[in-house]
Amino acid sequence: MPRSKELERLRKQIQALSQSVADLESRFETAVKVLATVHRLSETLVSSLSLEEASRSMVDSLVRELPDADKCSILLYSQEEGLLKLAAARGQMDLLGEDEPHNKGLVFRPGEGLAGRVFAEGRPYFVNQETTESRLIKKGFGLTTPVSLACLPLHSLGRRLGVLNISFPAARTYDPPRRRDLVVLAGVVANIVQTFLFKAELDRRVLEQIQQGRKISP
């Protein structure tokens, strides 16, 4: 083989190796950021006194810890009303309220809009403006269609709890590792929500027992 061809083949091999190393470094940095975000979210369990406070803390953490995210919201399902209701938001949405840190008027029925579909189907949607699913994003309330959006179901122990939205200011390539990272974060959020729901239910039962004890006391 002529020396020039050998050198060209070697050059291509070096380029391919350099790219592989760069990809591994990028993936490692992303994994570290995801782990840091999981740790920050987990701190919510000890730093928050209520689900409402925890929800605000979690959206703050997600926007702060994910460097490419600019907006985040959590919608929780109310079984009594049959609606997905905005629990907390950071970014565009939290500027809409006057006395509240988020717009409580933004609601979805299961199956309605992108959030309602994600809740009803129990699977995530990863949307850019050019994708057909972008038409499902609910308009109104002064909101604009995000450039890129990960809409993720929140479910734990077989129970559907709500939806997590994470928006990005630039179009995203949702490759399998990226999707997996976002699904992992949604799982952490769901488990924290479930923990606070369990705590609220336990507190309610304890209070009922106390009240029952008072009623039967002589």
N, C-alpha and C. Protein backbone atom coordinates (compact mmCIF):
# COMPACT_ATOMS: atom_id res chain seq x y z
N MET A 1 0.85 -1.19 0.00
CA MET A 1 0.00 0.00 0.00
C MET A 1 0.89 1.24 0.00
N PRO A 2 0.62 2.20 -0.91
CA PRO A 2 1.42 3.43 -0.93
C PRO A 2 1.39 4.12 0.41
N ARG A 3 2.50 4.78 0.74
CA ARG A 3 2.62 5.44 2.04
C ARG A 3 1.54 6.50 2.23
N SER A 4 1.18 7.21 1.16
CA SER A 4 0.17 8.27 1.26
C SER A 4 -1.18 7.71 1.71
N LYS A 5 -1.52 6.51 1.21
CA LYS A 5 -2.79 5.90 1.59
C LYS A 5 -2.76 5.42 3.04
N GLU A 6 -1.62 4.91 3.45
CA GLU A 6 -1.47 4.49 4.84
C GLU A 6 -1.64 5.68 5.78
N LEU A 7 -1.04 6.81 5.40
CA LEU A 7 -1.14 8.00 6.23
C LEU A 7 -2.58 8.51 6.28
N GLU A 8 -3.27 8.41 5.13
CA GLU A 8 -4.67 8.86 5.10
C GLU A 8 -5.54 7.97 5.97
N ARG A 9 -5.31 6.66 5.90
CA ARG A 9 -6.08 5.74 6.73
C ARG A 9 -5.80 5.99 8.20
N LEU A 10 -4.55 6.24 8.55
CA LEU A 10 -4.18 6.52 9.93
C LEU A 10 -4.83 7.81 10.41
N ARG A 11 -4.85 8.80 9.53
CA ARG A 11 -5.47 10.08 9.89
C ARG A 11 -6.96 9.91 10.20
N LYS A 12 -7.64 9.12 9.38
CA LYS A 12 -9.07 8.88 9.59
C LYS A 12 -9.32 8.11 10.89
N GLN A 13 -8.43 7.16 11.18
CA GLN A 13 -8.57 6.40 12.42
C GLN A 13 -8.38 7.29 13.64
N ILE A 14 -7.42 8.20 13.55
CA ILE A 14 -7.18 9.14 14.65
C ILE A 14 -8.37 10.06 14.83
N GLN A 15 -8.94 10.53 13.71
CA GLN A 15 -10.12 11.39 13.78
C GLN A 15 -11.30 10.67 14.43
N ALA A 16 -11.48 9.41 14.02
CA ALA A 16 -12.59 8.63 14.57
C ALA A 16 -12.39 8.40 16.06
N LEU A 17 -11.15 8.11 16.46
CA LEU A 17 -10.84 7.90 17.87
C LEU A 17 -11.05 9.18 18.67
N SER A 18 -10.63 10.31 18.11
CA SER A 18 -10.80 11.60 18.79
C SER A 18 -12.28 11.92 18.99
N GLN A 19 -13.07 11.61 17.97
CA GLN A 19 -14.51 11.85 18.08
C GLN A 19 -15.14 10.96 19.14
N SER A 20 -14.69 9.70 19.19
CA SER A 20 -15.22 8.78 20.20
C SER A 20 -14.88 9.26 21.61
N VAL A 21 -13.66 9.73 21.77
CA VAL A 21 -13.25 10.25 23.08
C VAL A 21 -14.08 11.49 23.44
N ALA A 22 -14.29 12.37 22.47
CA ALA A 22 -15.08 13.57 22.71
C ALA A 22 -16.52 13.21 23.09
N ASP A 23 -17.07 12.20 22.41
CA ASP A 23 -18.43 11.76 22.71
C ASP A 23 -18.52 11.19 24.13
N LEU A 24 -17.53 10.41 24.51
CA LEU A 24 -17.50 9.83 25.86
C LEU A 24 -17.38 10.92 26.92
N GLU A 25 -16.54 11.92 26.65
CA GLU A 25 -16.38 13.02 27.60
C GLU A 25 -17.69 13.78 27.75
N SER A 26 -18.36 14.03 26.63
CA SER A 26 -19.64 14.74 26.68
C SER A 26 -20.67 13.94 27.45
N ARG A 27 -20.69 12.63 27.18
CA ARG A 27 -21.65 11.78 27.88
C ARG A 27 -21.37 11.73 29.38
N PHE A 28 -20.09 11.68 29.72
CA PHE A 28 -19.71 11.67 31.14
C PHE A 28 -20.14 12.96 31.82
N GLU A 29 -19.90 14.10 31.16
CA GLU A 29 -20.30 15.39 31.73
C GLU A 29 -21.81 15.45 31.92
N THR A 30 -22.56 14.92 30.94
CA THR A 30 -24.02 14.91 31.04
C THR A 30 -24.47 14.03 32.20
N ALA A 31 -23.83 12.87 32.35
CA ALA A 31 -24.20 11.96 33.44
C ALA A 31 -23.95 12.61 34.80
N VAL A 32 -22.85 13.33 34.92
CA VAL A 32 -22.54 14.03 36.17
C VAL A 32 -23.61 15.07 36.47
N LYS A 33 -24.04 15.80 35.43
CA LYS A 33 -25.08 16.82 35.62
C LYS A 33 -26.41 16.19 36.03
N VAL A 34 -26.73 15.05 35.43
CA VAL A 34 -27.98 14.37 35.79
C VAL A 34 -27.93 13.90 37.23
N LEU A 35 -26.81 13.32 37.64
CA LEU A 35 -26.65 12.88 39.03
C LEU A 35 -26.76 14.05 39.99
N ALA A 36 -26.17 15.18 39.63
CA ALA A 36 -26.26 16.37 40.48
C ALA A 36 -27.70 16.85 40.59
N THR A 37 -28.43 16.76 39.49
CA THR A 37 -29.83 17.17 39.50
C THR A 37 -30.67 16.23 40.36
N VAL A 38 -30.39 14.93 40.25
CA VAL A 38 -31.10 13.95 41.08
C VAL A 38 -30.84 14.23 42.56
N HIS A 39 -29.60 14.53 42.89
CA HIS A 39 -29.26 14.84 44.28
C HIS A 39 -30.00 16.08 44.76
N ARG A 40 -30.04 17.11 43.92
CA ARG A 40 -30.72 18.34 44.29
C ARG A 40 -32.21 18.11 44.47
N LEU A 41 -32.80 17.31 43.58
CA LEU A 41 -34.22 17.01 43.71
C LEU A 41 -34.49 16.23 45.00
N SER A 42 -33.62 15.30 45.31
CA SER A 42 -33.81 14.46 46.50
C SER A 42 -33.79 15.29 47.78
N GLU A 43 -33.05 16.38 47.77
CA GLU A 43 -33.00 17.24 48.94
C GLU A 43 -34.37 17.83 49.28
N THR A 44 -35.26 17.85 48.28
CA THR A 44 -36.60 18.39 48.49
C THR A 44 -37.34 17.63 49.58
N LEU A 45 -37.05 16.34 49.71
CA LEU A 45 -37.75 15.52 50.70
C LEU A 45 -37.53 16.00 52.13
N VAL A 46 -36.37 16.57 52.40
CA VAL A 46 -36.07 17.02 53.75
C VAL A 46 -36.19 18.53 53.91
N SER A 47 -36.20 19.25 52.81
CA SER A 47 -36.22 20.71 52.90
C SER A 47 -37.61 21.31 52.73
N SER A 48 -38.59 20.51 52.28
CA SER A 48 -39.94 21.02 52.03
C SER A 48 -40.92 20.44 53.03
N LEU A 49 -41.89 21.25 53.39
CA LEU A 49 -42.90 20.84 54.37
C LEU A 49 -44.20 20.39 53.72
N SER A 50 -44.38 20.70 52.45
CA SER A 50 -45.64 20.38 51.78
C SER A 50 -45.36 20.05 50.32
N LEU A 51 -46.34 19.44 49.66
CA LEU A 51 -46.22 19.11 48.24
C LEU A 51 -46.11 20.38 47.41
N GLU A 52 -46.84 21.41 47.79
CA GLU A 52 -46.78 22.67 47.05
C GLU A 52 -45.38 23.27 47.12
N GLU A 53 -44.81 23.27 48.31
CA GLU A 53 -43.45 23.78 48.47
C GLU A 53 -42.45 22.91 47.73
N ALA A 54 -42.63 21.60 47.79
CA ALA A 54 -41.73 20.68 47.10
C ALA A 54 -41.80 20.88 45.59
N SER A 55 -42.99 21.09 45.06
CA SER A 55 -43.16 21.30 43.62
C SER A 55 -42.41 22.54 43.17
N ARG A 56 -42.53 23.62 43.93
CA ARG A 56 -41.80 24.84 43.58
C ARG A 56 -40.29 24.61 43.64
N SER A 57 -39.85 23.87 44.66
CA SER A 57 -38.42 23.61 44.79
C SER A 57 -37.91 22.77 43.64
N MET A 58 -38.69 21.80 43.20
CA MET A 58 -38.24 20.90 42.13
C MET A 58 -38.12 21.62 40.80
N VAL A 59 -39.09 22.47 40.45
CA VAL A 59 -38.97 23.19 39.17
C VAL A 59 -37.80 24.17 39.22
N ASP A 60 -37.56 24.77 40.39
CA ASP A 60 -36.39 25.63 40.54
C ASP A 60 -35.10 24.84 40.29
N SER A 61 -35.02 23.67 40.88
CA SER A 61 -33.82 22.85 40.75
C SER A 61 -33.59 22.42 39.31
N LEU A 62 -34.64 22.02 38.62
CA LEU A 62 -34.50 21.54 37.25
C LEU A 62 -34.02 22.65 36.32
N VAL A 63 -34.59 23.85 36.46
CA VAL A 63 -34.16 24.96 35.60
C VAL A 63 -32.73 25.38 35.94
N ARG A 64 -32.39 25.33 37.24
CA ARG A 64 -31.06 25.75 37.67
C ARG A 64 -29.99 24.72 37.32
N GLU A 65 -30.30 23.44 37.48
CA GLU A 65 -29.28 22.40 37.32
C GLU A 65 -29.10 21.96 35.87
N LEU A 66 -30.16 22.04 35.07
CA LEU A 66 -30.04 21.68 33.65
C LEU A 66 -29.68 22.94 32.88
N PRO A 67 -28.44 23.08 32.43
CA PRO A 67 -27.98 24.34 31.86
C PRO A 67 -28.69 24.75 30.58
N ASP A 68 -29.27 23.81 29.86
CA ASP A 68 -29.93 24.15 28.60
C ASP A 68 -31.43 24.27 28.74
N ALA A 69 -31.98 24.14 29.94
CA ALA A 69 -33.43 24.28 30.15
C ALA A 69 -33.73 25.69 30.61
N ASP A 70 -34.81 26.27 30.08
CA ASP A 70 -35.17 27.63 30.50
C ASP A 70 -36.55 27.72 31.14
N LYS A 71 -37.37 26.67 31.03
CA LYS A 71 -38.69 26.68 31.63
C LYS A 71 -39.03 25.28 32.13
N CYS A 72 -39.83 25.24 33.17
CA CYS A 72 -40.22 23.95 33.72
C CYS A 72 -41.54 24.11 34.45
N SER A 73 -42.40 23.10 34.37
CA SER A 73 -43.66 23.14 35.10
C SER A 73 -44.07 21.74 35.51
N ILE A 74 -44.80 21.66 36.61
CA ILE A 74 -45.37 20.41 37.10
C ILE A 74 -46.88 20.57 37.16
N LEU A 75 -47.59 19.65 36.53
CA LEU A 75 -49.04 19.60 36.62
C LEU A 75 -49.43 18.32 37.34
N LEU A 76 -50.27 18.44 38.35
CA LEU A 76 -50.70 17.29 39.14
C LEU A 76 -52.18 17.04 38.94
N TYR A 77 -52.53 15.76 38.96
CA TYR A 77 -53.91 15.36 38.69
C TYR A 77 -54.74 15.39 39.95
N SER A 78 -55.87 16.08 39.87
CA SER A 78 -56.84 16.11 40.96
C SER A 78 -57.94 15.11 40.67
N GLN A 79 -58.01 14.04 41.43
CA GLN A 79 -59.03 13.03 41.20
C GLN A 79 -60.42 13.59 41.46
N GLU A 80 -60.54 14.47 42.44
CA GLU A 80 -61.85 15.04 42.76
C GLU A 80 -62.41 15.85 41.60
N GLU A 81 -61.54 16.61 40.92
CA GLU A 81 -61.98 17.46 39.82
C GLU A 81 -61.79 16.82 38.46
N GLY A 82 -60.99 15.76 38.38
CA GLY A 82 -60.73 15.13 37.09
C GLY A 82 -59.91 16.01 36.17
N LEU A 83 -59.01 16.83 36.75
CA LEU A 83 -58.24 17.78 35.97
C LEU A 83 -56.77 17.72 36.33
N LEU A 84 -55.94 18.02 35.35
CA LEU A 84 -54.53 18.29 35.58
C LEU A 84 -54.39 19.78 35.89
N LYS A 85 -53.84 20.10 37.06
CA LYS A 85 -53.76 21.49 37.48
C LYS A 85 -52.30 21.87 37.71
N LEU A 86 -51.96 23.09 37.32
CA LEU A 86 -50.59 23.56 37.44
C LEU A 86 -50.23 23.70 38.91
N ALA A 87 -49.20 22.97 39.34
CA ALA A 87 -48.76 23.01 40.73
C ALA A 87 -47.64 24.01 40.94
N ALA A 88 -46.73 24.09 39.96
CA ALA A 88 -45.61 25.03 40.06
C ALA A 88 -44.98 25.19 38.70
N ALA A 89 -44.33 26.34 38.50
CA ALA A 89 -43.68 26.60 37.22
C ALA A 89 -42.57 27.61 37.41
N ARG A 90 -41.56 27.50 36.57
CA ARG A 90 -40.50 28.49 36.50
C ARG A 90 -40.21 28.77 35.03
N GLY A 91 -40.00 30.06 34.74
CA GLY A 91 -39.79 30.45 33.37
C GLY A 91 -40.91 31.34 32.91
N GLN A 92 -41.41 31.12 31.73
CA GLN A 92 -42.45 31.96 31.17
C GLN A 92 -43.73 31.94 32.00
N MET A 93 -44.13 30.75 32.47
CA MET A 93 -45.42 30.62 33.12
C MET A 93 -45.51 31.38 34.44
N ASP A 94 -44.40 31.40 35.18
CA ASP A 94 -44.51 31.99 36.51
C ASP A 94 -44.60 33.50 36.45
N LEU A 95 -44.43 34.10 35.27
CA LEU A 95 -44.57 35.54 35.13
C LEU A 95 -46.02 35.94 34.93
N LEU A 96 -46.91 34.97 34.72
CA LEU A 96 -48.28 35.28 34.36
C LEU A 96 -49.16 35.60 35.56
N GLY A 97 -48.84 35.03 36.70
CA GLY A 97 -49.64 35.28 37.88
C GLY A 97 -49.31 36.63 38.48
N GLU A 98 -50.23 37.16 39.25
CA GLU A 98 -50.01 38.43 39.92
C GLU A 98 -49.61 38.20 41.38
N ASP A 99 -50.47 37.51 42.11
CA ASP A 99 -50.19 37.26 43.52
C ASP A 99 -49.63 35.85 43.74
N GLU A 100 -49.58 35.03 42.70
CA GLU A 100 -49.12 33.66 42.82
C GLU A 100 -47.85 33.47 41.99
N PRO A 101 -47.00 32.52 42.38
CA PRO A 101 -45.79 32.27 41.61
C PRO A 101 -46.04 31.50 40.33
N HIS A 102 -47.29 31.10 40.09
CA HIS A 102 -47.62 30.40 38.87
C HIS A 102 -49.07 30.67 38.52
N ASN A 103 -49.45 30.36 37.32
CA ASN A 103 -50.81 30.64 36.85
C ASN A 103 -51.72 29.46 37.16
N LYS A 104 -52.54 29.57 38.16
CA LYS A 104 -53.39 28.46 38.57
C LYS A 104 -54.56 28.23 37.62
N GLY A 105 -54.75 29.14 36.66
CA GLY A 105 -55.85 28.95 35.72
C GLY A 105 -55.54 27.98 34.61
N LEU A 106 -54.31 27.54 34.49
CA LEU A 106 -53.94 26.63 33.41
C LEU A 106 -54.24 25.19 33.83
N VAL A 107 -55.25 24.58 33.20
CA VAL A 107 -55.66 23.22 33.54
C VAL A 107 -55.84 22.42 32.25
N PHE A 108 -55.80 21.10 32.39
CA PHE A 108 -56.01 20.18 31.28
C PHE A 108 -56.91 19.05 31.74
N ARG A 109 -57.76 18.61 30.85
CA ARG A 109 -58.47 17.35 31.07
C ARG A 109 -57.62 16.21 30.50
N PRO A 110 -57.70 15.02 31.07
CA PRO A 110 -56.97 13.89 30.49
C PRO A 110 -57.28 13.75 29.00
N GLY A 111 -56.25 13.71 28.18
CA GLY A 111 -56.41 13.61 26.73
C GLY A 111 -56.43 14.95 26.04
N GLU A 112 -56.55 16.04 26.78
CA GLU A 112 -56.60 17.38 26.19
C GLU A 112 -55.20 17.95 26.04
N GLY A 113 -54.89 18.44 24.84
CA GLY A 113 -53.58 19.03 24.62
C GLY A 113 -52.47 18.01 24.78
N LEU A 114 -51.25 18.50 24.69
CA LEU A 114 -50.11 17.59 24.79
C LEU A 114 -49.99 17.02 26.20
N ALA A 115 -50.13 17.87 27.22
CA ALA A 115 -50.02 17.39 28.60
C ALA A 115 -51.09 16.37 28.92
N GLY A 116 -52.32 16.64 28.48
CA GLY A 116 -53.39 15.70 28.73
C GLY A 116 -53.19 14.37 28.02
N ARG A 117 -52.61 14.42 26.83
CA ARG A 117 -52.34 13.18 26.10
C ARG A 117 -51.25 12.38 26.79
N VAL A 118 -50.18 13.07 27.21
CA VAL A 118 -49.09 12.38 27.91
C VAL A 118 -49.62 11.72 29.18
N PHE A 119 -50.47 12.43 29.91
CA PHE A 119 -51.05 11.87 31.13
C PHE A 119 -51.91 10.65 30.81
N ALA A 120 -52.77 10.76 29.80
CA ALA A 120 -53.69 9.68 29.47
C ALA A 120 -52.96 8.45 28.92
N GLU A 121 -51.94 8.68 28.10
CA GLU A 121 -51.22 7.57 27.48
C GLU A 121 -50.10 7.03 28.36
N GLY A 122 -49.63 7.83 29.31
CA GLY A 122 -48.57 7.39 30.20
C GLY A 122 -47.23 7.22 29.52
N ARG A 123 -47.00 7.98 28.46
CA ARG A 123 -45.70 7.90 27.78
C ARG A 123 -45.21 9.31 27.44
N PRO A 124 -43.89 9.51 27.37
CA PRO A 124 -43.36 10.86 27.12
C PRO A 124 -43.46 11.26 25.65
N TYR A 125 -43.51 12.57 25.44
CA TYR A 125 -43.43 13.14 24.10
C TYR A 125 -42.25 14.11 24.09
N PHE A 126 -41.46 14.05 23.02
CA PHE A 126 -40.32 14.94 22.86
C PHE A 126 -40.57 15.76 21.60
N VAL A 127 -40.77 17.05 21.77
CA VAL A 127 -41.35 17.87 20.71
C VAL A 127 -40.43 19.03 20.34
N ASN A 128 -40.23 19.23 19.05
CA ASN A 128 -39.68 20.45 18.50
C ASN A 128 -40.77 21.13 17.69
N GLN A 129 -40.57 22.40 17.35
CA GLN A 129 -41.63 23.16 16.70
C GLN A 129 -42.04 22.56 15.36
N GLU A 130 -41.11 21.86 14.71
CA GLU A 130 -41.45 21.30 13.40
C GLU A 130 -42.15 19.95 13.49
N THR A 131 -42.22 19.36 14.68
CA THR A 131 -42.88 18.07 14.83
C THR A 131 -44.39 18.25 14.90
N THR A 132 -45.12 17.23 14.46
CA THR A 132 -46.58 17.36 14.39
C THR A 132 -47.20 17.51 15.77
N GLU A 133 -46.54 16.97 16.81
CA GLU A 133 -47.12 17.05 18.15
C GLU A 133 -47.15 18.47 18.69
N SER A 134 -46.37 19.39 18.10
CA SER A 134 -46.34 20.75 18.60
C SER A 134 -47.71 21.42 18.51
N ARG A 135 -48.55 20.95 17.58
CA ARG A 135 -49.89 21.54 17.46
C ARG A 135 -50.77 21.21 18.65
N LEU A 136 -50.37 20.21 19.44
CA LEU A 136 -51.17 19.82 20.60
C LEU A 136 -50.91 20.71 21.81
N ILE A 137 -49.84 21.51 21.76
CA ILE A 137 -49.51 22.35 22.90
C ILE A 137 -50.59 23.40 23.08
N LYS A 138 -51.10 23.49 24.28
CA LYS A 138 -52.23 24.37 24.56
C LYS A 138 -51.82 25.83 24.46
N LYS A 139 -52.57 26.59 23.69
CA LYS A 139 -52.31 28.02 23.55
C LYS A 139 -53.16 28.78 24.57
N GLY A 140 -52.98 30.07 24.59
CA GLY A 140 -53.73 30.88 25.53
C GLY A 140 -52.89 31.22 26.75
N PHE A 141 -53.46 31.97 27.65
CA PHE A 141 -52.81 32.40 28.87
C PHE A 141 -51.53 33.18 28.57
N GLY A 142 -51.42 33.73 27.36
CA GLY A 142 -50.23 34.48 27.02
C GLY A 142 -49.01 33.63 26.74
N LEU A 143 -49.20 32.32 26.59
CA LEU A 143 -48.06 31.42 26.40
C LEU A 143 -47.70 31.31 24.93
N THR A 144 -46.42 31.15 24.65
CA THR A 144 -45.96 30.89 23.30
C THR A 144 -45.50 29.44 23.21
N THR A 145 -45.52 28.91 21.99
CA THR A 145 -45.09 27.53 21.79
C THR A 145 -43.59 27.43 22.04
N PRO A 146 -43.16 26.55 22.92
CA PRO A 146 -41.71 26.42 23.18
C PRO A 146 -40.99 25.90 21.95
N VAL A 147 -39.73 26.31 21.81
CA VAL A 147 -38.92 25.82 20.69
C VAL A 147 -38.75 24.31 20.78
N SER A 148 -38.53 23.82 21.99
CA SER A 148 -38.34 22.40 22.21
C SER A 148 -38.90 22.05 23.58
N LEU A 149 -39.58 20.91 23.66
CA LEU A 149 -40.28 20.56 24.90
C LEU A 149 -40.22 19.06 25.14
N ALA A 150 -39.88 18.71 26.37
CA ALA A 150 -40.01 17.32 26.83
C ALA A 150 -41.20 17.28 27.77
N CYS A 151 -42.23 16.56 27.39
CA CYS A 151 -43.44 16.43 28.19
C CYS A 151 -43.47 14.99 28.72
N LEU A 152 -43.32 14.86 30.04
CA LEU A 152 -43.03 13.55 30.64
C LEU A 152 -44.11 13.17 31.66
N PRO A 153 -44.60 11.93 31.60
CA PRO A 153 -45.60 11.50 32.58
C PRO A 153 -44.98 11.30 33.96
N LEU A 154 -45.72 11.61 34.99
CA LEU A 154 -45.32 11.34 36.36
C LEU A 154 -46.18 10.20 36.88
N HIS A 155 -45.56 9.05 37.12
CA HIS A 155 -46.31 7.93 37.67
C HIS A 155 -45.42 7.16 38.64
N SER A 156 -46.03 6.62 39.67
CA SER A 156 -45.31 5.90 40.71
C SER A 156 -46.22 4.84 41.30
N LEU A 157 -45.68 3.63 41.46
CA LEU A 157 -46.43 2.51 42.04
C LEU A 157 -47.75 2.27 41.31
N GLY A 158 -47.71 2.43 39.99
CA GLY A 158 -48.88 2.16 39.17
C GLY A 158 -49.92 3.27 39.18
N ARG A 159 -49.62 4.38 39.81
CA ARG A 159 -50.56 5.50 39.90
C ARG A 159 -50.09 6.66 39.04
N ARG A 160 -50.99 7.18 38.23
CA ARG A 160 -50.67 8.33 37.40
C ARG A 160 -50.88 9.60 38.23
N LEU A 161 -49.81 10.38 38.34
CA LEU A 161 -49.82 11.53 39.23
C LEU A 161 -49.94 12.86 38.51
N GLY A 162 -49.38 12.95 37.31
CA GLY A 162 -49.38 14.23 36.61
C GLY A 162 -48.40 14.25 35.46
N VAL A 163 -47.89 15.44 35.17
CA VAL A 163 -47.01 15.64 34.01
C VAL A 163 -45.92 16.63 34.37
N LEU A 164 -44.72 16.36 33.88
CA LEU A 164 -43.59 17.27 34.02
C LEU A 164 -43.23 17.82 32.65
N ASN A 165 -43.17 19.15 32.52
CA ASN A 165 -42.76 19.81 31.28
C ASN A 165 -41.40 20.46 31.48
N ILE A 166 -40.47 20.19 30.57
CA ILE A 166 -39.17 20.87 30.57
C ILE A 166 -38.97 21.46 29.18
N SER A 167 -38.81 22.79 29.13
CA SER A 167 -38.67 23.49 27.84
C SER A 167 -37.24 23.94 27.63
N PHE A 168 -36.87 24.00 26.36
CA PHE A 168 -35.52 24.41 25.97
C PHE A 168 -35.61 25.53 24.95
N PRO A 169 -34.71 26.53 25.02
CA PRO A 169 -34.79 27.68 24.12
C PRO A 169 -34.30 27.40 22.71
N ALA A 170 -33.67 26.26 22.51
CA ALA A 170 -33.17 25.89 21.18
C ALA A 170 -33.65 24.48 20.85
N ALA A 171 -33.72 24.18 19.55
CA ALA A 171 -34.15 22.85 19.13
C ALA A 171 -33.21 21.79 19.69
N ARG A 172 -33.77 20.70 20.19
CA ARG A 172 -32.98 19.65 20.80
C ARG A 172 -33.02 18.38 19.94
N THR A 173 -31.92 17.66 19.95
CA THR A 173 -31.89 16.32 19.36
C THR A 173 -32.11 15.33 20.49
N TYR A 174 -33.28 14.73 20.52
CA TYR A 174 -33.61 13.82 21.62
C TYR A 174 -33.16 12.41 21.27
N ASP A 175 -31.84 12.20 21.38
CA ASP A 175 -31.31 10.87 21.13
C ASP A 175 -31.64 9.98 22.32
N PRO A 176 -31.49 8.66 22.18
CA PRO A 176 -31.87 7.75 23.28
C PRO A 176 -31.27 8.09 24.64
N PRO A 177 -29.96 8.41 24.74
CA PRO A 177 -29.43 8.78 26.06
C PRO A 177 -30.11 10.01 26.64
N ARG A 178 -30.37 10.99 25.79
CA ARG A 178 -31.03 12.22 26.25
C ARG A 178 -32.43 11.91 26.76
N ARG A 179 -33.16 11.12 26.02
CA ARG A 179 -34.51 10.75 26.45
C ARG A 179 -34.47 9.98 27.77
N ARG A 180 -33.52 9.08 27.87
CA ARG A 180 -33.41 8.28 29.09
C ARG A 180 -33.12 9.16 30.31
N ASP A 181 -32.24 10.15 30.14
CA ASP A 181 -31.92 11.06 31.24
C ASP A 181 -33.17 11.81 31.71
N LEU A 182 -33.95 12.32 30.78
CA LEU A 182 -35.13 13.09 31.13
C LEU A 182 -36.19 12.21 31.78
N VAL A 183 -36.32 10.97 31.31
CA VAL A 183 -37.27 10.04 31.92
C VAL A 183 -36.85 9.71 33.36
N VAL A 184 -35.54 9.57 33.57
CA VAL A 184 -35.03 9.31 34.92
C VAL A 184 -35.38 10.47 35.85
N LEU A 185 -35.18 11.69 35.39
CA LEU A 185 -35.51 12.86 36.21
C LEU A 185 -36.99 12.92 36.52
N ALA A 186 -37.82 12.59 35.53
CA ALA A 186 -39.27 12.56 35.77
C ALA A 186 -39.63 11.51 36.81
N GLY A 187 -38.92 10.38 36.78
CA GLY A 187 -39.17 9.34 37.76
C GLY A 187 -38.84 9.80 39.18
N VAL A 188 -37.76 10.56 39.32
CA VAL A 188 -37.39 11.09 40.63
C VAL A 188 -38.46 12.06 41.12
N VAL A 189 -38.91 12.94 40.23
CA VAL A 189 -39.97 13.89 40.59
C VAL A 189 -41.24 13.15 41.01
N ALA A 190 -41.61 12.12 40.26
CA ALA A 190 -42.82 11.35 40.57
C ALA A 190 -42.72 10.69 41.94
N ASN A 191 -41.57 10.12 42.26
CA ASN A 191 -41.40 9.46 43.56
C ASN A 191 -41.49 10.46 44.71
N ILE A 192 -40.97 11.66 44.50
CA ILE A 192 -41.07 12.69 45.53
C ILE A 192 -42.52 13.13 45.71
N VAL A 193 -43.23 13.31 44.59
CA VAL A 193 -44.65 13.66 44.67
C VAL A 193 -45.42 12.58 45.42
N GLN A 194 -45.15 11.32 45.08
CA GLN A 194 -45.85 10.20 45.73
C GLN A 194 -45.56 10.17 47.23
N THR A 195 -44.32 10.47 47.61
CA THR A 195 -43.95 10.48 49.03
C THR A 195 -44.77 11.52 49.79
N PHE A 196 -44.92 12.71 49.23
CA PHE A 196 -45.71 13.75 49.89
C PHE A 196 -47.19 13.39 49.93
N LEU A 197 -47.68 12.73 48.89
CA LEU A 197 -49.08 12.29 48.90
C LEU A 197 -49.31 11.24 49.98
N PHE A 198 -48.36 10.31 50.12
CA PHE A 198 -48.46 9.30 51.19
C PHE A 198 -48.46 9.98 52.56
N LYS A 199 -47.58 10.95 52.72
CA LYS A 199 -47.48 11.65 53.99
C LYS A 199 -48.79 12.37 54.31
N ALA A 200 -49.36 13.04 53.29
CA ALA A 200 -50.62 13.75 53.51
C ALA A 200 -51.74 12.78 53.88
N GLU A 201 -51.77 11.62 53.23
CA GLU A 201 -52.78 10.62 53.53
C GLU A 201 -52.59 10.06 54.93
N LEU A 202 -51.34 9.82 55.32
CA LEU A 202 -51.07 9.33 56.67
C LEU A 202 -51.48 10.35 57.71
N ASP A 203 -51.14 11.61 57.47
CA ASP A 203 -51.53 12.67 58.41
C ASP A 203 -53.05 12.74 58.53
N ARG A 204 -53.74 12.59 57.41
CA ARG A 204 -55.21 12.64 57.44
C ARG A 204 -55.79 11.50 58.27
N ARG A 205 -55.23 10.30 58.10
CA ARG A 205 -55.73 9.15 58.85
C ARG A 205 -55.45 9.29 60.35
N VAL A 206 -54.27 9.79 60.67
CA VAL A 206 -53.93 10.00 62.08
C VAL A 206 -54.88 11.00 62.71
N LEU A 207 -55.17 12.08 61.98
CA LEU A 207 -56.09 13.10 62.48
C LEU A 207 -57.48 12.52 62.68
N GLU A 208 -57.93 11.68 61.75
CA GLU A 208 -59.25 11.05 61.89
C GLU A 208 -59.30 10.15 63.12
N GLN A 209 -58.22 9.40 63.35
CA GLN A 209 -58.18 8.53 64.52
C GLN A 209 -58.21 9.33 65.81
N ILE A 210 -57.48 10.46 65.81
CA ILE A 210 -57.49 11.32 66.99
C ILE A 210 -58.90 11.86 67.26
N GLN A 211 -59.55 12.30 66.17
CA GLN A 211 -60.91 12.84 66.31
C GLN A 211 -61.89 11.77 66.74
N GLN A 212 -61.71 10.55 66.20
CA GLN A 212 -62.57 9.44 66.62
C GLN A 212 -62.36 9.13 68.09
N GLY A 213 -61.10 9.16 68.54
CA GLY A 213 -60.81 8.90 69.95
C GLY A 213 -61.44 9.91 70.87
N ARG A 214 -61.47 11.15 70.43
CA ARG A 214 -62.09 12.19 71.24
C ARG A 214 -63.61 11.99 71.34
N LYS A 215 -64.21 11.51 70.25
CA LYS A 215 -65.67 11.32 70.23
C LYS A 215 -66.10 10.22 71.20
N ILE A 216 -65.28 9.15 71.33
CA ILE A 216 -65.70 8.04 72.17
C ILE A 216 -65.16 8.14 73.58
N SER A 217 -64.39 9.18 73.85
CA SER A 217 -63.85 9.35 75.20
C SER A 217 -64.98 9.73 76.16
N PRO A 218 -64.98 9.21 77.40
CA PRO A 218 -66.04 9.53 78.35
C PRO A 218 -65.98 10.98 78.78
